Amino acid sequence: MRRGDHPERLYLVGEQPPAQGRLDLVTLFVAEHEPTHGMSPEPAAILRMCEQPLSMAEISAHMRLPTSMLTLILTDMVADGQLEARAPIPTASLPDIDLLKAVMHGLQRL
């Protein structure tokens, strides 16, 4: 096998996010801009993927990367302003399902 036949991916260890801004599996990411020419393959793919908000778990599944590695990449991308990290919608702020069902059934009876 020649040297360039199967290039190995190289990863750099980034800074750990501060405790208050820690990323987790449900953190949502949205691209701040489109990929640029010469960008590494993983960040470019993530930017294309995150035109709509995606969680770290979804990105990990699509990229087939472990979340430990993805955390480093995403942290660097957020720090560089390439991605916006958003907290997920808290369950308490979602509408009550039982109330919505009752309204729907009431409307259906009209």
PDB file of N, CA and C in Angstrom:
ATOM      1  N   MET A   1       0.847  -1.173   0.000  1.00  0.00           N
ATOM      2  CA  MET A   1       0.000   0.000   0.000  1.00  0.00           C
ATOM      3  C   MET A   1       0.896   1.241   0.000  1.00  0.00           C
ATOM      4  N   ARG A   2       0.567   2.162  -0.867  1.00  0.00           N
ATOM      5  CA  ARG A   2       1.336   3.404  -0.923  1.00  0.00           C
ATOM      6  C   ARG A   2       0.916   4.329   0.206  1.00  0.00           C
ATOM      7  N   ARG A   3       1.771   5.245   0.501  1.00  0.00           N
ATOM      8  CA  ARG A   3       1.561   6.142   1.631  1.00  0.00           C
ATOM      9  C   ARG A   3       0.256   6.934   1.549  1.00  0.00           C
ATOM     10  N   GLY A   4      -0.158   7.439   0.403  1.00  0.00           N
ATOM     11  CA  GLY A   4      -1.337   8.286   0.283  1.00  0.00           C
ATOM     12  C   GLY A   4      -2.632   7.532   0.018  1.00  0.00           C
ATOM     13  N   ASP A   5      -2.594   6.182  -0.037  1.00  0.00           N
ATOM     14  CA  ASP A   5      -3.790   5.416  -0.373  1.00  0.00           C
ATOM     15  C   ASP A   5      -4.899   5.539   0.664  1.00  0.00           C
ATOM     16  N   HIS A   6      -4.567   5.506   1.912  1.00  0.00           N
ATOM     17  CA  HIS A   6      -5.566   5.575   2.993  1.00  0.00           C
ATOM     18  C   HIS A   6      -5.120   6.609   4.013  1.00  0.00           C
ATOM     19  N   PRO A   7      -5.401   7.861   3.743  1.00  0.00           N
ATOM     20  CA  PRO A   7      -4.938   8.890   4.689  1.00  0.00           C
ATOM     21  C   PRO A   7      -5.615   8.725   6.048  1.00  0.00           C
ATOM     22  N   GLU A   8      -4.843   8.885   7.062  1.00  0.00           N
ATOM     23  CA  GLU A   8      -5.353   8.814   8.433  1.00  0.00           C
ATOM     24  C   GLU A   8      -5.893  10.183   8.822  1.00  0.00           C
ATOM     25  N   ARG A   9      -6.967  10.177   9.586  1.00  0.00           N
ATOM     26  CA  ARG A   9      -7.500  11.439  10.096  1.00  0.00           C
ATOM     27  C   ARG A   9      -6.674  11.858  11.297  1.00  0.00           C
ATOM     28  N   LEU A  10      -6.330  13.111  11.306  1.00  0.00           N
ATOM     29  CA  LEU A  10      -5.576  13.645  12.434  1.00  0.00           C
ATOM     30  C   LEU A  10      -6.497  14.535  13.251  1.00  0.00           C
ATOM     31  N   TYR A  11      -6.466  14.379  14.548  1.00  0.00           N
ATOM     32  CA  TYR A  11      -7.300  15.182  15.438  1.00  0.00           C
ATOM     33  C   TYR A  11      -6.407  15.930  16.403  1.00  0.00           C
ATOM     34  N   LEU A  12      -6.774  17.158  16.665  1.00  0.00           N
ATOM     35  CA  LEU A  12      -6.073  17.965  17.639  1.00  0.00           C
ATOM     36  C   LEU A  12      -6.951  18.086  18.867  1.00  0.00           C
ATOM     37  N   VAL A  13      -6.346  18.004  20.013  1.00  0.00           N
ATOM     38  CA  VAL A  13      -7.104  18.152  21.245  1.00  0.00           C
ATOM     39  C   VAL A  13      -7.334  19.628  21.468  1.00  0.00           C
ATOM     40  N   GLY A  14      -8.600  20.008  21.540  1.00  0.00           N
ATOM     41  CA  GLY A  14      -8.962  21.399  21.771  1.00  0.00           C
ATOM     42  C   GLY A  14      -9.102  21.664  23.250  1.00  0.00           C
ATOM     43  N   GLU A  15      -9.401  22.895  23.560  1.00  0.00           N
ATOM     44  CA  GLU A  15      -9.634  23.247  24.959  1.00  0.00           C
ATOM     45  C   GLU A  15     -10.962  22.680  25.411  1.00  0.00           C
ATOM     46  N   GLN A  16     -11.030  22.274  26.660  1.00  0.00           N
ATOM     47  CA  GLN A  16     -12.288  21.800  27.211  1.00  0.00           C
ATOM     48  C   GLN A  16     -13.201  22.995  27.431  1.00  0.00           C
ATOM     49  N   PRO A  17     -14.490  22.837  27.152  1.00  0.00           N
ATOM     50  CA  PRO A  17     -15.403  23.965  27.371  1.00  0.00           C
ATOM     51  C   PRO A  17     -15.510  24.273  28.857  1.00  0.00           C
ATOM     52  N   PRO A  18     -15.796  25.523  29.197  1.00  0.00           N
ATOM     53  CA  PRO A  18     -15.967  25.856  30.605  1.00  0.00           C
ATOM     54  C   PRO A  18     -17.155  25.101  31.185  1.00  0.00           C
ATOM     55  N   ALA A  19     -17.147  24.876  32.488  1.00  0.00           N
ATOM     56  CA  ALA A  19     -18.183  24.075  33.149  1.00  0.00           C
ATOM     57  C   ALA A  19     -19.588  24.588  32.860  1.00  0.00           C
ATOM     58  N   GLN A  20     -19.781  25.913  32.842  1.00  0.00           N
ATOM     59  CA  GLN A  20     -21.122  26.437  32.632  1.00  0.00           C
ATOM     60  C   GLN A  20     -21.573  26.284  31.185  1.00  0.00           C
ATOM     61  N   GLY A  21     -20.651  26.104  30.250  1.00  0.00           N
ATOM     62  CA  GLY A  21     -21.016  25.980  28.847  1.00  0.00           C
ATOM     63  C   GLY A  21     -20.779  24.589  28.310  1.00  0.00           C
ATOM     64  N   ARG A  22     -20.783  23.604  29.164  1.00  0.00           N
ATOM     65  CA  ARG A  22     -20.489  22.236  28.760  1.00  0.00           C
ATOM     66  C   ARG A  22     -21.504  21.730  27.737  1.00  0.00           C
ATOM     67  N   LEU A  23     -21.008  21.062  26.724  1.00  0.00           N
ATOM     68  CA  LEU A  23     -21.862  20.502  25.689  1.00  0.00           C
ATOM     69  C   LEU A  23     -22.267  19.095  26.088  1.00  0.00           C
ATOM     70  N   ASP A  24     -23.507  18.723  25.760  1.00  0.00           N
ATOM     71  CA  ASP A  24     -23.939  17.356  26.019  1.00  0.00           C
ATOM     72  C   ASP A  24     -24.681  16.823  24.805  1.00  0.00           C
ATOM     73  N   LEU A  25     -25.215  15.621  24.900  1.00  0.00           N
ATOM     74  CA  LEU A  25     -25.831  14.956  23.756  1.00  0.00           C
ATOM     75  C   LEU A  25     -27.048  15.672  23.199  1.00  0.00           C
ATOM     76  N   VAL A  26     -27.724  16.471  24.019  1.00  0.00           N
ATOM     77  CA  VAL A  26     -28.940  17.146  23.555  1.00  0.00           C
ATOM     78  C   VAL A  26     -28.711  18.608  23.190  1.00  0.00           C
ATOM     79  N   THR A  27     -27.474  19.090  23.305  1.00  0.00           N
ATOM     80  CA  THR A  27     -27.165  20.452  22.874  1.00  0.00           C
ATOM     81  C   THR A  27     -27.423  20.543  21.373  1.00  0.00           C
ATOM     82  N   LEU A  28     -28.103  21.600  20.955  1.00  0.00           N
ATOM     83  CA  LEU A  28     -28.412  21.803  19.542  1.00  0.00           C
ATOM     84  C   LEU A  28     -27.364  22.705  18.902  1.00  0.00           C
ATOM     85  N   PHE A  29     -27.009  22.401  17.662  1.00  0.00           N
ATOM     86  CA  PHE A  29     -26.012  23.179  16.935  1.00  0.00           C
ATOM     87  C   PHE A  29     -26.604  23.681  15.629  1.00  0.00           C
ATOM     88  N   VAL A  30     -26.300  24.942  15.301  1.00  0.00           N
ATOM     89  CA  VAL A  30     -26.757  25.564  14.060  1.00  0.00           C
ATOM     90  C   VAL A  30     -25.554  26.231  13.409  1.00  0.00           C
ATOM     91  N   ALA A  31     -25.396  26.007  12.097  1.00  0.00           N
ATOM     92  CA  ALA A  31     -24.278  26.597  11.360  1.00  0.00           C
ATOM     93  C   ALA A  31     -24.438  28.108  11.286  1.00  0.00           C
ATOM     94  N   GLU A  32     -23.347  28.818  11.487  1.00  0.00           N
ATOM     95  CA  GLU A  32     -23.328  30.277  11.374  1.00  0.00           C
ATOM     96  C   GLU A  32     -22.995  30.718   9.951  1.00  0.00           C
ATOM     97  N   HIS A  33     -22.369  29.844   9.172  1.00  0.00           N
ATOM     98  CA  HIS A  33     -22.055  30.144   7.779  1.00  0.00           C
ATOM     99  C   HIS A  33     -21.824  28.834   7.031  1.00  0.00           C
ATOM    100  N   GLU A  34     -21.578  28.916   5.742  1.00  0.00           N
ATOM    101  CA  GLU A  34     -21.347  27.729   4.925  1.00  0.00           C
ATOM    102  C   GLU A  34     -19.869  27.338   4.986  1.00  0.00           C
ATOM    103  N   PRO A  35     -19.559  26.069   4.652  1.00  0.00           N
ATOM    104  CA  PRO A  35     -18.154  25.655   4.647  1.00  0.00           C
ATOM    105  C   PRO A  35     -17.341  26.473   3.645  1.00  0.00           C
ATOM    106  N   THR A  36     -16.075  26.655   3.961  1.00  0.00           N
ATOM    107  CA  THR A  36     -15.179  27.392   3.072  1.00  0.00           C
ATOM    108  C   THR A  36     -14.229  26.423   2.389  1.00  0.00           C
ATOM    109  N   HIS A  37     -13.667  26.857   1.284  1.00  0.00           N
ATOM    110  CA  HIS A  37     -12.719  26.042   0.536  1.00  0.00           C
ATOM    111  C   HIS A  37     -11.489  25.750   1.398  1.00  0.00           C
ATOM    112  N   GLY A  38     -11.041  24.526   1.399  1.00  0.00           N
ATOM    113  CA  GLY A  38      -9.860  24.149   2.160  1.00  0.00           C
ATOM    114  C   GLY A  38     -10.134  23.754   3.597  1.00  0.00           C
ATOM    115  N   MET A  39     -11.397  23.786   4.009  1.00  0.00           N
ATOM    116  CA  MET A  39     -11.775  23.418   5.375  1.00  0.00           C
ATOM    117  C   MET A  39     -11.624  21.900   5.552  1.00  0.00           C
ATOM    118  N   SER A  40     -11.287  21.459   6.743  1.00  0.00           N
ATOM    119  CA  SER A  40     -11.184  20.026   7.041  1.00  0.00           C
ATOM    120  C   SER A  40     -12.518  19.346   6.756  1.00  0.00           C
ATOM    121  N   PRO A  41     -12.498  18.051   6.398  1.00  0.00           N
ATOM    122  CA  PRO A  41     -13.733  17.369   6.002  1.00  0.00           C
ATOM    123  C   PRO A  41     -14.804  17.304   7.088  1.00  0.00           C
ATOM    124  N   GLU A  42     -14.398  17.032   8.332  1.00  0.00           N
ATOM    125  CA  GLU A  42     -15.397  16.898   9.394  1.00  0.00           C
ATOM    126  C   GLU A  42     -16.122  18.208   9.682  1.00  0.00           C
ATOM    127  N   PRO A  43     -15.401  19.309   9.932  1.00  0.00           N
ATOM    128  CA  PRO A  43     -16.110  20.579  10.156  1.00  0.00           C
ATOM    129  C   PRO A  43     -16.967  21.001   8.961  1.00  0.00           C
ATOM    130  N   ALA A  44     -16.492  20.760   7.741  1.00  0.00           N
ATOM    131  CA  ALA A  44     -17.273  21.117   6.553  1.00  0.00           C
ATOM    132  C   ALA A  44     -18.570  20.319   6.513  1.00  0.00           C
ATOM    133  N   ALA A  45     -18.494  19.026   6.801  1.00  0.00           N
ATOM    134  CA  ALA A  45     -19.689  18.176   6.806  1.00  0.00           C
ATOM    135  C   ALA A  45     -20.656  18.609   7.902  1.00  0.00           C
ATOM    136  N   ILE A  46     -20.125  18.975   9.055  1.00  0.00           N
ATOM    137  CA  ILE A  46     -20.972  19.415  10.170  1.00  0.00           C
ATOM    138  C   ILE A  46     -21.701  20.710   9.803  1.00  0.00           C
ATOM    139  N   LEU A  47     -21.004  21.644   9.170  1.00  0.00           N
ATOM    140  CA  LEU A  47     -21.641  22.904   8.767  1.00  0.00           C
ATOM    141  C   LEU A  47     -22.762  22.653   7.761  1.00  0.00           C
ATOM    142  N   ARG A  48     -22.530  21.748   6.814  1.00  0.00           N
ATOM    143  CA  ARG A  48     -23.585  21.431   5.834  1.00  0.00           C
ATOM    144  C   ARG A  48     -24.778  20.772   6.521  1.00  0.00           C
ATOM    145  N   MET A  49     -24.488  19.924   7.476  1.00  0.00           N
ATOM    146  CA  MET A  49     -25.531  19.187   8.191  1.00  0.00           C
ATOM    147  C   MET A  49     -26.370  20.090   9.091  1.00  0.00           C
ATOM    148  N   CYS A  50     -25.746  21.113   9.650  1.00  0.00           N
ATOM    149  CA  CYS A  50     -26.390  21.939  10.673  1.00  0.00           C
ATOM    150  C   CYS A  50     -27.048  23.198  10.119  1.00  0.00           C
ATOM    151  N   GLU A  51     -27.535  23.130   8.896  1.00  0.00           N
ATOM    152  CA  GLU A  51     -28.324  24.258   8.386  1.00  0.00           C
ATOM    153  C   GLU A  51     -29.577  24.406   9.240  1.00  0.00           C
ATOM    154  N   GLN A  52     -30.119  23.286   9.692  1.00  0.00           N
ATOM    155  CA  GLN A  52     -31.217  23.235  10.660  1.00  0.00           C
ATOM    156  C   GLN A  52     -30.626  22.715  11.968  1.00  0.00           C
ATOM    157  N   PRO A  53     -31.181  23.091  13.119  1.00  0.00           N
ATOM    158  CA  PRO A  53     -30.608  22.643  14.395  1.00  0.00           C
ATOM    159  C   PRO A  53     -30.550  21.120  14.498  1.00  0.00           C
ATOM    160  N   LEU A  54     -29.390  20.620  14.906  1.00  0.00           N
ATOM    161  CA  LEU A  54     -29.188  19.193  15.156  1.00  0.00           C
ATOM    162  C   LEU A  54     -28.510  19.023  16.508  1.00  0.00           C
ATOM    163  N   SER A  55     -28.870  17.965  17.210  1.00  0.00           N
ATOM    164  CA  SER A  55     -28.240  17.688  18.498  1.00  0.00           C
ATOM    165  C   SER A  55     -26.899  16.993  18.287  1.00  0.00           C
ATOM    166  N   MET A  56     -26.081  16.999  19.321  1.00  0.00           N
ATOM    167  CA  MET A  56     -24.802  16.318  19.243  1.00  0.00           C
ATOM    168  C   MET A  56     -25.009  14.830  18.960  1.00  0.00           C
ATOM    169  N   ALA A  57     -26.033  14.234  19.547  1.00  0.00           N
ATOM    170  CA  ALA A  57     -26.305  12.812  19.323  1.00  0.00           C
ATOM    171  C   ALA A  57     -26.607  12.547  17.846  1.00  0.00           C
ATOM    172  N   GLU A  58     -27.395  13.428  17.216  1.00  0.00           N
ATOM    173  CA  GLU A  58     -27.726  13.264  15.797  1.00  0.00           C
ATOM    174  C   GLU A  58     -26.493  13.438  14.916  1.00  0.00           C
ATOM    175  N   ILE A  59     -25.680  14.432  15.225  1.00  0.00           N
ATOM    176  CA  ILE A  59     -24.458  14.668  14.451  1.00  0.00           C
ATOM    177  C   ILE A  59     -23.528  13.467  14.591  1.00  0.00           C
ATOM    178  N   SER A  60     -23.398  12.953  15.808  1.00  0.00           N
ATOM    179  CA  SER A  60     -22.548  11.793  16.063  1.00  0.00           C
ATOM    180  C   SER A  60     -23.000  10.595  15.245  1.00  0.00           C
ATOM    181  N   ALA A  61     -24.307  10.356  15.184  1.00  0.00           N
ATOM    182  CA  ALA A  61     -24.837   9.226  14.422  1.00  0.00           C
ATOM    183  C   ALA A  61     -24.580   9.404  12.925  1.00  0.00           C
ATOM    184  N   HIS A  62     -24.820  10.608  12.403  1.00  0.00           N
ATOM    185  CA  HIS A  62     -24.604  10.853  10.975  1.00  0.00           C
ATOM    186  C   HIS A  62     -23.127  10.759  10.593  1.00  0.00           C
ATOM    187  N   MET A  63     -22.258  11.276  11.468  1.00  0.00           N
ATOM    188  CA  MET A  63     -20.824  11.314  11.174  1.00  0.00           C
ATOM    189  C   MET A  63     -20.114  10.007  11.521  1.00  0.00           C
ATOM    190  N   ARG A  64     -20.783   9.180  12.317  1.00  0.00           N
ATOM    191  CA  ARG A  64     -20.177   7.926  12.805  1.00  0.00           C
ATOM    192  C   ARG A  64     -18.879   8.218  13.561  1.00  0.00           C
ATOM    193  N   LEU A  65     -18.962   9.249  14.396  1.00  0.00           N
ATOM    194  CA  LEU A  65     -17.841   9.631  15.260  1.00  0.00           C
ATOM    195  C   LEU A  65     -18.280   9.486  16.704  1.00  0.00           C
ATOM    196  N   PRO A  66     -17.386   9.047  17.586  1.00  0.00           N
ATOM    197  CA  PRO A  66     -17.751   8.986  19.005  1.00  0.00           C
ATOM    198  C   PRO A  66     -17.956  10.390  19.558  1.00  0.00           C
ATOM    199  N   THR A  67     -18.851  10.495  20.528  1.00  0.00           N
ATOM    200  CA  THR A  67     -19.160  11.823  21.076  1.00  0.00           C
ATOM    201  C   THR A  67     -17.953  12.459  21.754  1.00  0.00           C
ATOM    202  N   SER A  68     -17.034  11.654  22.271  1.00  0.00           N
ATOM    203  CA  SER A  68     -15.837  12.237  22.893  1.00  0.00           C
ATOM    204  C   SER A  68     -15.017  13.007  21.857  1.00  0.00           C
ATOM    205  N   MET A  69     -14.886  12.465  20.657  1.00  0.00           N
ATOM    206  CA  MET A  69     -14.151  13.148  19.596  1.00  0.00           C
ATOM    207  C   MET A  69     -14.965  14.310  19.048  1.00  0.00           C
ATOM    208  N   LEU A  70     -16.253  14.098  18.892  1.00  0.00           N
ATOM    209  CA  LEU A  70     -17.126  15.136  18.358  1.00  0.00           C
ATOM    210  C   LEU A  70     -17.188  16.350  19.285  1.00  0.00           C
ATOM    211  N   THR A  71     -17.145  16.118  20.583  1.00  0.00           N
ATOM    212  CA  THR A  71     -17.158  17.223  21.548  1.00  0.00           C
ATOM    213  C   THR A  71     -15.990  18.165  21.294  1.00  0.00           C
ATOM    214  N   LEU A  72     -14.825  17.608  21.015  1.00  0.00           N
ATOM    215  CA  LEU A  72     -13.647  18.439  20.749  1.00  0.00           C
ATOM    216  C   LEU A  72     -13.837  19.261  19.473  1.00  0.00           C
ATOM    217  N   ILE A  73     -14.332  18.610  18.427  1.00  0.00           N
ATOM    218  CA  ILE A  73     -14.534  19.309  17.151  1.00  0.00           C
ATOM    219  C   ILE A  73     -15.583  20.407  17.307  1.00  0.00           C
ATOM    220  N   LEU A  74     -16.715  20.074  17.935  1.00  0.00           N
ATOM    221  CA  LEU A  74     -17.801  21.052  18.090  1.00  0.00           C
ATOM    222  C   LEU A  74     -17.394  22.208  18.985  1.00  0.00           C
ATOM    223  N   THR A  75     -16.659  21.920  20.049  1.00  0.00           N
ATOM    224  CA  THR A  75     -16.193  22.978  20.953  1.00  0.00           C
ATOM    225  C   THR A  75     -15.325  23.978  20.197  1.00  0.00           C
ATOM    226  N   ASP A  76     -14.404  23.464  19.377  1.00  0.00           N
ATOM    227  CA  ASP A  76     -13.547  24.348  18.579  1.00  0.00           C
ATOM    228  C   ASP A  76     -14.361  25.153  17.574  1.00  0.00           C
ATOM    229  N   MET A  77     -15.368  24.505  16.961  1.00  0.00           N
ATOM    230  CA  MET A  77     -16.180  25.200  15.962  1.00  0.00           C
ATOM    231  C   MET A  77     -17.033  26.296  16.606  1.00  0.00           C
ATOM    232  N   VAL A  78     -17.534  26.051  17.808  1.00  0.00           N
ATOM    233  CA  VAL A  78     -18.303  27.078  18.527  1.00  0.00           C
ATOM    234  C   VAL A  78     -17.385  28.233  18.902  1.00  0.00           C
ATOM    235  N   ALA A  79     -16.185  27.908  19.395  1.00  0.00           N
ATOM    236  CA  ALA A  79     -15.223  28.944  19.788  1.00  0.00           C
ATOM    237  C   ALA A  79     -14.794  29.794  18.592  1.00  0.00           C
ATOM    238  N   ASP A  80     -14.728  29.170  17.405  1.00  0.00           N
ATOM    239  CA  ASP A  80     -14.329  29.894  16.186  1.00  0.00           C
ATOM    240  C   ASP A  80     -15.487  30.649  15.538  1.00  0.00           C
ATOM    241  N   GLY A  81     -16.702  30.519  16.094  1.00  0.00           N
ATOM    242  CA  GLY A  81     -17.859  31.216  15.534  1.00  0.00           C
ATOM    243  C   GLY A  81     -18.461  30.536  14.319  1.00  0.00           C
ATOM    244  N   GLN A  82     -18.089  29.285  14.078  1.00  0.00           N
ATOM    245  CA  GLN A  82     -18.647  28.556  12.936  1.00  0.00           C
ATOM    246  C   GLN A  82     -20.014  27.963  13.257  1.00  0.00           C
ATOM    247  N   LEU A  83     -20.224  27.621  14.521  1.00  0.00           N
ATOM    248  CA  LEU A  83     -21.483  27.029  14.974  1.00  0.00           C
ATOM    249  C   LEU A  83     -22.017  27.806  16.161  1.00  0.00           C
ATOM    250  N   GLU A  84     -23.333  27.791  16.286  1.00  0.00           N
ATOM    251  CA  GLU A  84     -23.983  28.317  17.489  1.00  0.00           C
ATOM    252  C   GLU A  84     -24.491  27.117  18.275  1.00  0.00           C
ATOM    253  N   ALA A  85     -24.185  27.076  19.564  1.00  0.00           N
ATOM    254  CA  ALA A  85     -24.675  26.013  20.440  1.00  0.00           C
ATOM    255  C   ALA A  85     -25.881  26.542  21.194  1.00  0.00           C
ATOM    256  N   ARG A  86     -26.966  25.775  21.172  1.00  0.00           N
ATOM    257  CA  ARG A  86     -28.204  26.177  21.846  1.00  0.00           C
ATOM    258  C   ARG A  86     -28.618  25.099  22.835  1.00  0.00           C
ATOM    259  N   ALA A  87     -29.161  25.538  23.942  1.00  0.00           N
ATOM    260  CA  ALA A  87     -29.712  24.580  24.901  1.00  0.00           C
ATOM    261  C   ALA A  87     -30.989  24.005  24.307  1.00  0.00           C
ATOM    262  N   PRO A  88     -31.265  22.733  24.589  1.00  0.00           N
ATOM    263  CA  PRO A  88     -32.521  22.163  24.096  1.00  0.00           C
ATOM    264  C   PRO A  88     -33.714  22.818  24.773  1.00  0.00           C
ATOM    265  N   ILE A  89     -34.881  22.669  24.173  1.00  0.00           N
ATOM    266  CA  ILE A  89     -36.098  23.233  24.748  1.00  0.00           C
ATOM    267  C   ILE A  89     -36.430  22.438  26.005  1.00  0.00           C
ATOM    268  N   PRO A  90     -36.523  23.086  27.157  1.00  0.00           N
ATOM    269  CA  PRO A  90     -36.854  22.355  28.380  1.00  0.00           C
ATOM    270  C   PRO A  90     -38.254  21.757  28.295  1.00  0.00           C
ATOM    271  N   THR A  91     -38.413  20.571  28.835  1.00  0.00           N
ATOM    272  CA  THR A  91     -39.700  19.881  28.812  1.00  0.00           C
ATOM    273  C   THR A  91     -40.788  20.734  29.442  1.00  0.00           C
ATOM    274  N   ALA A  92     -40.454  21.475  30.473  1.00  0.00           N
ATOM    275  CA  ALA A  92     -41.453  22.293  31.171  1.00  0.00           C
ATOM    276  C   ALA A  92     -42.036  23.380  30.270  1.00  0.00           C
ATOM    277  N   SER A  93     -41.303  23.819  29.262  1.00  0.00           N
ATOM    278  CA  SER A  93     -41.815  24.886  28.408  1.00  0.00           C
ATOM    279  C   SER A  93     -42.617  24.359  27.222  1.00  0.00           C
ATOM    280  N   LEU A  94     -42.660  23.037  27.054  1.00  0.00           N
ATOM    281  CA  LEU A  94     -43.465  22.456  25.977  1.00  0.00           C
ATOM    282  C   LEU A  94     -44.933  22.446  26.385  1.00  0.00           C
ATOM    283  N   PRO A  95     -45.845  22.512  25.415  1.00  0.00           N
ATOM    284  CA  PRO A  95     -47.269  22.507  25.756  1.00  0.00           C
ATOM    285  C   PRO A  95     -47.688  21.171  26.365  1.00  0.00           C
ATOM    286  N   ASP A  96     -48.720  21.216  27.168  1.00  0.00           N
ATOM    287  CA  ASP A  96     -49.257  20.025  27.811  1.00  0.00           C
ATOM    288  C   ASP A  96     -49.962  19.169  26.759  1.00  0.00           C
ATOM    289  N   ILE A  97     -49.498  17.943  26.563  1.00  0.00           N
ATOM    290  CA  ILE A  97     -50.045  17.042  25.548  1.00  0.00           C
ATOM    291  C   ILE A  97     -51.516  16.732  25.818  1.00  0.00           C
ATOM    292  N   ASP A  98     -51.868  16.497  27.081  1.00  0.00           N
ATOM    293  CA  ASP A  98     -53.261  16.180  27.413  1.00  0.00           C
ATOM    294  C   ASP A  98     -54.192  17.341  27.052  1.00  0.00           C
ATOM    295  N   LEU A  99     -53.749  18.559  27.308  1.00  0.00           N
ATOM    296  CA  LEU A  99     -54.553  19.727  26.956  1.00  0.00           C
ATOM    297  C   LEU A  99     -54.723  19.826  25.440  1.00  0.00           C
ATOM    298  N   LEU A 100     -53.636  19.602  24.693  1.00  0.00           N
ATOM    299  CA  LEU A 100     -53.719  19.653  23.237  1.00  0.00           C
ATOM    300  C   LEU A 100     -54.667  18.583  22.691  1.00  0.00           C
ATOM    301  N   LYS A 101     -54.609  17.385  23.273  1.00  0.00           N
ATOM    302  CA  LYS A 101     -55.519  16.306  22.850  1.00  0.00           C
ATOM    303  C   LYS A 101     -56.974  16.686  23.139  1.00  0.00           C
ATOM    304  N   ALA A 102     -57.224  17.274  24.304  1.00  0.00           N
ATOM    305  CA  ALA A 102     -58.583  17.670  24.656  1.00  0.00           C
ATOM    306  C   ALA A 102     -59.097  18.738  23.692  1.00  0.00           C
ATOM    307  N   VAL A 103     -58.260  19.689  23.331  1.00  0.00           N
ATOM    308  CA  VAL A 103     -58.657  20.726  22.374  1.00  0.00           C
ATOM    309  C   VAL A 103     -58.931  20.102  21.009  1.00  0.00           C
ATOM    310  N   MET A 104     -58.053  19.179  20.570  1.00  0.00           N
ATOM    311  CA  MET A 104     -58.228  18.527  19.289  1.00  0.00           C
ATOM    312  C   MET A 104     -59.549  17.741  19.239  1.00  0.00           C
ATOM    313  N   HIS A 105     -59.840  16.974  20.310  1.00  0.00           N
ATOM    314  CA  HIS A 105     -61.084  16.206  20.350  1.00  0.00           C
ATOM    315  C   HIS A 105     -62.299  17.129  20.365  1.00  0.00           C
ATOM    316  N   GLY A 106     -62.194  18.234  21.073  1.00  0.00           N
ATOM    317  CA  GLY A 106     -63.284  19.209  21.106  1.00  0.00           C
ATOM    318  C   GLY A 106     -63.548  19.797  19.739  1.00  0.00           C
ATOM    319  N   LEU A 107     -62.466  20.118  19.003  1.00  0.00           N
ATOM    320  CA  LEU A 107     -62.608  20.667  17.655  1.00  0.00           C
ATOM    321  C   LEU A 107     -63.183  19.637  16.686  1.00  0.00           C
ATOM    322  N   GLN A 108     -62.794  18.381  16.875  1.00  0.00           N
ATOM    323  CA  GLN A 108     -63.308  17.325  16.000  1.00  0.00           C
ATOM    324  C   GLN A 108     -64.826  17.116  16.201  1.00  0.00           C
ATOM    325  N   ARG A 109     -65.315  17.379  17.404  1.00  0.00           N
ATOM    326  CA  ARG A 109     -66.750  17.203  17.686  1.00  0.00           C
ATOM    327  C   ARG A 109     -67.603  18.336  17.135  1.00  0.00           C
ATOM    328  N   LEU A 110     -66.980  19.432  16.739  1.00  0.00           N
ATOM    329  CA  LEU A 110     -67.737  20.567  16.202  1.00  0.00           C
ATOM    330  C   LEU A 110     -68.317  20.276  14.844  1.00  0.00           C
TER     331      LEU A 110
END
